[in-house]
C-alpha atoms as a PDB file:
ATOM      1  CA  UNK A   1      -0.096  -0.123   0.018  1.00  0.00           C
ATOM      2  CA  UNK A   2       1.234   3.399  -1.046  1.00  0.00           C
ATOM      3  CA  UNK A   3       1.953   5.905   1.934  1.00  0.00           C
ATOM      4  CA  UNK A   4      -0.011   9.019   2.094  1.00  0.00           C
ATOM      5  CA  UNK A   5       2.007  12.123   1.342  1.00  0.00           C
ATOM      6  CA  UNK A   6       1.983  15.007   3.737  1.00  0.00           C
ATOM      7  CA  UNK A   7       0.070  18.301   2.843  1.00  0.00           C
ATOM      8  CA  UNK A   8       3.558  20.035   2.784  1.00  0.00           C
ATOM      9  CA  UNK A   9       4.672  17.494   0.173  1.00  0.00           C
ATOM     10  CA  UNK A  10       1.565  17.651  -1.874  1.00  0.00           C
ATOM     11  CA  UNK A  11       1.525  21.611  -1.986  1.00  0.00           C
ATOM     12  CA  UNK A  12       5.081  21.787  -2.955  1.00  0.00           C
ATOM     13  CA  UNK A  13       4.553  19.079  -5.618  1.00  0.00           C
ATOM     14  CA  UNK A  14       1.662  21.362  -6.991  1.00  0.00           C
ATOM     15  CA  UNK A  15       4.003  24.428  -7.072  1.00  0.00           C
ATOM     16  CA  UNK A  16       6.743  22.257  -8.859  1.00  0.00           C
ATOM     17  CA  UNK A  17       4.313  21.617 -11.684  1.00  0.00           C
ATOM     18  CA  UNK A  18       3.108  25.156 -11.678  1.00  0.00           C
ATOM     19  CA  UNK A  19       6.809  26.244 -11.975  1.00  0.00           C
ATOM     20  CA  UNK A  20       6.917  24.385 -15.370  1.00  0.00           C
ATOM     21  CA  UNK A  21       4.626  27.114 -16.713  1.00  0.00           C
ATOM     22  CA  UNK A  22       7.283  29.775 -16.198  1.00  0.00           C
ATOM     23  CA  UNK A  23       8.474  31.696 -19.066  1.00  0.00           C
ATOM     24  CA  UNK A  24      11.866  32.491 -17.548  1.00  0.00           C
ATOM     25  CA  UNK A  25      14.855  30.570 -18.630  1.00  0.00           C
ATOM     26  CA  UNK A  26      16.879  31.150 -15.732  1.00  0.00           C
ATOM     27  CA  UNK A  27      14.493  30.216 -12.846  1.00  0.00           C
ATOM     28  CA  UNK A  28      11.222  28.166 -12.915  1.00  0.00           C
ATOM     29  CA  UNK A  29       9.296  29.070  -9.797  1.00  0.00           C
ATOM     30  CA  UNK A  30       5.619  28.002  -8.578  1.00  0.00           C
ATOM     31  CA  UNK A  31       3.751  28.989  -5.660  1.00  0.00           C
ATOM     32  CA  UNK A  32       0.750  27.599  -3.871  1.00  0.00           C
ATOM     33  CA  UNK A  33      -1.388  29.648  -1.128  1.00  0.00           C
ATOM     34  CA  UNK A  34      -3.457  27.785   1.274  1.00  0.00           C
ATOM     35  CA  UNK A  35      -5.933  28.882   3.898  1.00  0.00           C
ATOM     36  CA  UNK A  36      -5.899  27.565   7.512  1.00  0.00           C
ATOM     37  CA  UNK A  37      -8.059  24.495   6.479  1.00  0.00           C
ATOM     38  CA  UNK A  38      -5.394  23.577   3.887  1.00  0.00           C
ATOM     39  CA  UNK A  39      -7.618  24.590   0.940  1.00  0.00           C
ATOM     40  CA  UNK A  40      -5.885  25.991  -2.302  1.00  0.00           C
ATOM     41  CA  UNK A  41      -6.769  29.728  -2.551  1.00  0.00           C
ATOM     42  CA  UNK A  42      -3.918  31.242  -4.797  1.00  0.00           C
ATOM     43  CA  UNK A  43      -1.774  29.762  -7.492  1.00  0.00           C
ATOM     44  CA  UNK A  44       1.168  31.419  -9.489  1.00  0.00           C
ATOM     45  CA  UNK A  45       4.315  30.997 -11.548  1.00  0.00           C
ATOM     46  CA  UNK A  46       6.872  33.506 -12.654  1.00  0.00           C
ATOM     47  CA  UNK A  47       6.459  35.021 -15.975  1.00  0.00           C
ATOM     48  CA  UNK A  48       5.695  38.195 -18.025  1.00  0.00           C
ATOM     49  CA  UNK A  49       2.383  40.136 -17.589  1.00  0.00           C
ATOM     50  CA  UNK A  50      -0.525  38.771 -19.583  1.00  0.00           C
ATOM     51  CA  UNK A  51      -0.441  39.724 -23.365  1.00  0.00           C
ATOM     52  CA  UNK A  52       3.196  40.862 -22.968  1.00  0.00           C
ATOM     53  CA  UNK A  53       5.955  39.163 -25.254  1.00  0.00           C
ATOM     54  CA  UNK A  54       7.793  36.729 -23.058  1.00  0.00           C
ATOM     55  CA  UNK A  55      11.166  38.763 -22.280  1.00  0.00           C
ATOM     56  CA  UNK A  56      13.114  35.365 -22.335  1.00  0.00           C
ATOM     57  CA  UNK A  57      12.322  34.677 -26.045  1.00  0.00           C
ATOM     58  CA  UNK A  58      14.180  37.888 -27.073  1.00  0.00           C
ATOM     59  CA  UNK A  59      16.807  37.624 -24.521  1.00  0.00           C
ATOM     60  CA  UNK A  60      16.907  38.229 -20.909  1.00  0.00           C
ATOM     61  CA  UNK A  61      18.380  41.782 -19.717  1.00  0.00           C
ATOM     62  CA  UNK A  62      19.424  40.045 -16.435  1.00  0.00           C
ATOM     63  CA  UNK A  63      21.474  37.084 -18.009  1.00  0.00           C
ATOM     64  CA  UNK A  64      24.829  38.578 -16.828  1.00  0.00           C
ATOM     65  CA  UNK A  65      23.572  39.253 -13.262  1.00  0.00           C
ATOM     66  CA  UNK A  66      24.150  37.196 -10.205  1.00  0.00           C
ATOM     67  CA  UNK A  67      21.054  35.577  -8.610  1.00  0.00           C
ATOM     68  CA  UNK A  68      19.241  38.248  -6.416  1.00  0.00           C
ATOM     69  CA  UNK A  69      20.865  41.136  -8.318  1.00  0.00           C
ATOM     70  CA  UNK A  70      19.066  43.802 -10.382  1.00  0.00           C
ATOM     71  CA  UNK A  71      15.733  42.064 -10.049  1.00  0.00           C
ATOM     72  CA  UNK A  72      14.187  45.426 -10.826  1.00  0.00           C
ATOM     73  CA  UNK A  73      15.399  44.950 -14.488  1.00  0.00           C
ATOM     74  CA  UNK A  74      13.183  41.772 -14.790  1.00  0.00           C
ATOM     75  CA  UNK A  75       9.804  42.043 -16.588  1.00  0.00           C
ATOM     76  CA  UNK A  76       8.603  38.881 -15.098  1.00  0.00           C
ATOM     77  CA  UNK A  77       6.208  38.863 -12.300  1.00  0.00           C
ATOM     78  CA  UNK A  78       7.279  36.482  -9.414  1.00  0.00           C
ATOM     79  CA  UNK A  79       5.080  33.485  -8.560  1.00  0.00           C
ATOM     80  CA  UNK A  80       4.333  34.648  -5.095  1.00  0.00           C
ATOM     81  CA  UNK A  81       3.101  38.011  -6.496  1.00  0.00           C
ATOM     82  CA  UNK A  82       1.032  36.419  -9.197  1.00  0.00           C
ATOM     83  CA  UNK A  83      -0.435  34.024  -6.494  1.00  0.00           C
ATOM     84  CA  UNK A  84      -1.353  36.851  -4.134  1.00  0.00           C
ATOM     85  CA  UNK A  85      -2.880  38.728  -7.122  1.00  0.00           C
ATOM     86  CA  UNK A  86      -5.122  36.044  -7.903  1.00  0.00           C
ATOM     87  CA  UNK A  87      -6.144  35.220  -4.388  1.00  0.00           C
ATOM     88  CA  UNK A  88      -9.634  36.632  -3.625  1.00  0.00           C
ATOM     89  CA  UNK A  89      -8.824  37.517   0.132  1.00  0.00           C
ATOM     90  CA  UNK A  90      -5.183  37.852   1.001  1.00  0.00           C
ATOM     91  CA  UNK A  91      -6.214  37.854   4.920  1.00  0.00           C
ATOM     92  CA  UNK A  92      -7.204  34.266   4.446  1.00  0.00           C
ATOM     93  CA  UNK A  93      -3.689  33.290   3.526  1.00  0.00           C
ATOM     94  CA  UNK A  94      -2.356  30.860   6.111  1.00  0.00           C
ATOM     95  CA  UNK A  95       0.589  29.109   4.333  1.00  0.00           C
ATOM     96  CA  UNK A  96       2.622  29.603   1.165  1.00  0.00           C
ATOM     97  CA  UNK A  97       4.521  26.760  -0.713  1.00  0.00           C
ATOM     98  CA  UNK A  98       7.367  27.863  -3.162  1.00  0.00           C
ATOM     99  CA  UNK A  99       8.978  25.448  -5.609  1.00  0.00           C
ATOM    100  CA  UNK A 100      12.291  26.878  -6.825  1.00  0.00           C
ATOM    101  CA  UNK A 101      13.557  29.380  -4.457  1.00  0.00           C
ATOM    102  CA  UNK A 102      12.841  31.110  -1.091  1.00  0.00           C
ATOM    103  CA  UNK A 103      10.751  34.245  -1.760  1.00  0.00           C
ATOM    104  CA  UNK A 104      12.965  37.408  -2.707  1.00  0.00           C
ATOM    105  CA  UNK A 105      12.810  40.501  -0.601  1.00  0.00           C
ATOM    106  CA  UNK A 106       9.984  42.047  -2.536  1.00  0.00           C
ATOM    107  CA  UNK A 107       7.834  39.000  -2.394  1.00  0.00           C
ATOM    108  CA  UNK A 108       8.780  38.326   1.303  1.00  0.00           C
ATOM    109  CA  UNK A 109       7.345  42.025   2.005  1.00  0.00           C
ATOM    110  CA  UNK A 110       4.043  41.155  -0.009  1.00  0.00           C
ATOM    111  CA  UNK A 111       3.598  37.917   1.985  1.00  0.00           C
ATOM    112  CA  UNK A 112       4.239  39.636   5.251  1.00  0.00           C
ATOM    113  CA  UNK A 113       1.344  42.019   4.293  1.00  0.00           C
ATOM    114  CA  UNK A 114      -1.006  39.107   3.799  1.00  0.00           C
ATOM    115  CA  UNK A 115      -1.987  36.732   6.864  1.00  0.00           C
ATOM    116  CA  UNK A 116       0.735  34.239   6.086  1.00  0.00           C
ATOM    117  CA  UNK A 117       1.848  32.060   9.184  1.00  0.00           C
ATOM    118  CA  UNK A 118       4.391  29.782   7.328  1.00  0.00           C
ATOM    119  CA  UNK A 119       6.364  29.609   4.186  1.00  0.00           C
ATOM    120  CA  UNK A 120       7.665  26.242   2.786  1.00  0.00           C
ATOM    121  CA  UNK A 121      10.257  26.298   0.210  1.00  0.00           C
ATOM    122  CA  UNK A 122      11.876  23.709  -1.958  1.00  0.00           C
ATOM    123  CA  UNK A 123      15.300  25.554  -1.804  1.00  0.00           C
ATOM    124  CA  UNK A 124      17.062  28.456  -0.657  1.00  0.00           C
ATOM    125  CA  UNK A 125      17.482  31.279  -2.846  1.00  0.00           C
ATOM    126  CA  UNK A 126      21.107  31.982  -1.751  1.00  0.00           C
ATOM    127  CA  UNK A 127      21.342  35.673  -2.123  1.00  0.00           C
ATOM    128  CA  UNK A 128      22.660  38.297   0.441  1.00  0.00           C
ATOM    129  CA  UNK A 129      19.079  39.231   1.177  1.00  0.00           C
ATOM    130  CA  UNK A 130      18.325  35.873   2.744  1.00  0.00           C
ATOM    131  CA  UNK A 131      19.348  37.251   6.187  1.00  0.00           C
ATOM    132  CA  UNK A 132      17.012  40.300   5.866  1.00  0.00           C
ATOM    133  CA  UNK A 133      14.235  37.877   4.494  1.00  0.00           C
ATOM    134  CA  UNK A 134      14.554  35.610   7.661  1.00  0.00           C
ATOM    135  CA  UNK A 135      14.627  38.548   9.866  1.00  0.00           C
ATOM    136  CA  UNK A 136      11.497  40.021   8.302  1.00  0.00           C
ATOM    137  CA  UNK A 137       9.713  36.961   8.685  1.00  0.00           C
ATOM    138  CA  UNK A 138      10.876  36.424  12.307  1.00  0.00           C
ATOM    139  CA  UNK A 139       9.489  39.860  13.146  1.00  0.00           C
ATOM    140  CA  UNK A 140       6.264  39.167  11.652  1.00  0.00           C
ATOM    141  CA  UNK A 141       6.149  35.715  13.494  1.00  0.00           C
ATOM    142  CA  UNK A 142       6.045  33.965  10.241  1.00  0.00           C
ATOM    143  CA  UNK A 143       8.107  30.644   9.968  1.00  0.00           C
ATOM    144  CA  UNK A 144      10.341  30.048   7.076  1.00  0.00           C
ATOM    145  CA  UNK A 145      11.130  26.375   6.198  1.00  0.00           C
ATOM    146  CA  UNK A 146      13.188  24.892   3.715  1.00  0.00           C
ATOM    147  CA  UNK A 147      12.047  21.339   2.796  1.00  0.00           C
ATOM    148  CA  UNK A 148      14.408  19.042   0.601  1.00  0.00           C
ATOM    149  CA  UNK A 149      13.342  15.595  -0.765  1.00  0.00           C
ATOM    150  CA  UNK A 150      14.387  13.942  -3.907  1.00  0.00           C
ATOM    151  CA  UNK A 151      13.456  15.336  -7.252  1.00  0.00           C
ATOM    152  CA  UNK A 152      11.667  12.306  -8.286  1.00  0.00           C
ATOM    153  CA  UNK A 153       9.258  12.327  -5.418  1.00  0.00           C
ATOM    154  CA  UNK A 154       6.345  12.388  -7.764  1.00  0.00           C
ATOM    155  CA  UNK A 155       7.305   9.055  -9.293  1.00  0.00           C
ATOM    156  CA  UNK A 156       6.983   7.301  -5.751  1.00  0.00           C
ATOM    157  CA  UNK A 157       5.488   4.064  -5.720  1.00  0.00           C
ATOM    158  CA  UNK A 158       4.889   1.248  -3.246  1.00  0.00           C
ATOM    159  CA  UNK A 159       8.552  -0.149  -3.298  1.00  0.00           C
ATOM    160  CA  UNK A 160      10.129   3.226  -3.191  1.00  0.00           C
ATOM    161  CA  UNK A 161       9.864   5.271  -0.083  1.00  0.00           C
ATOM    162  CA  UNK A 162      11.628   8.584   0.861  1.00  0.00           C
ATOM    163  CA  UNK A 163      11.859  10.953   3.813  1.00  0.00           C
ATOM    164  CA  UNK A 164      11.766  14.810   3.605  1.00  0.00           C
ATOM    165  CA  UNK A 165      13.836  17.060   5.644  1.00  0.00           C
ATOM    166  CA  UNK A 166      12.425  20.163   7.140  1.00  0.00           C
ATOM    167  CA  UNK A 167      15.020  22.910   7.975  1.00  0.00           C
ATOM    168  CA  UNK A 168      13.250  25.714   9.971  1.00  0.00           C
ATOM    169  CA  UNK A 169      15.132  28.978   9.399  1.00  0.00           C
ATOM    170  CA  UNK A 170      12.963  31.137  11.518  1.00  0.00           C
END
């Protein structure tokens, strides 16, 4: 009999699939927002605004930049911002699940302005802003958790089991 996945695993896997819709060549990010009853209330992925040519198709202006640098040049709307924009009531947001990176500084501020209590991410962004982001979430009493598990988790079957590792940053 197949073991049931946890909600954290399930929502991160939904975010992983959303990330495949991204038009960005450098980073594919997906985001799922849930309420306190674990219901999906917002979905998003990073990409250009509606009806705007995908910047990556004509060449990214940030291709020579380091991760986390000069995000202001990027035309793409981040997955977390898209998820919040498509959420009917941001005051119902209880948890945020992000596949691809921890929220950047701007998205962290947006999430803090919602009612989010916990952020789960599949990987750490690795920028210098991480310490500021951790501090911001800590001040807001929002936990930031890095969840690691095999990339092939969605292929799990009866004979293959795995464990996830949860690293609480704040």
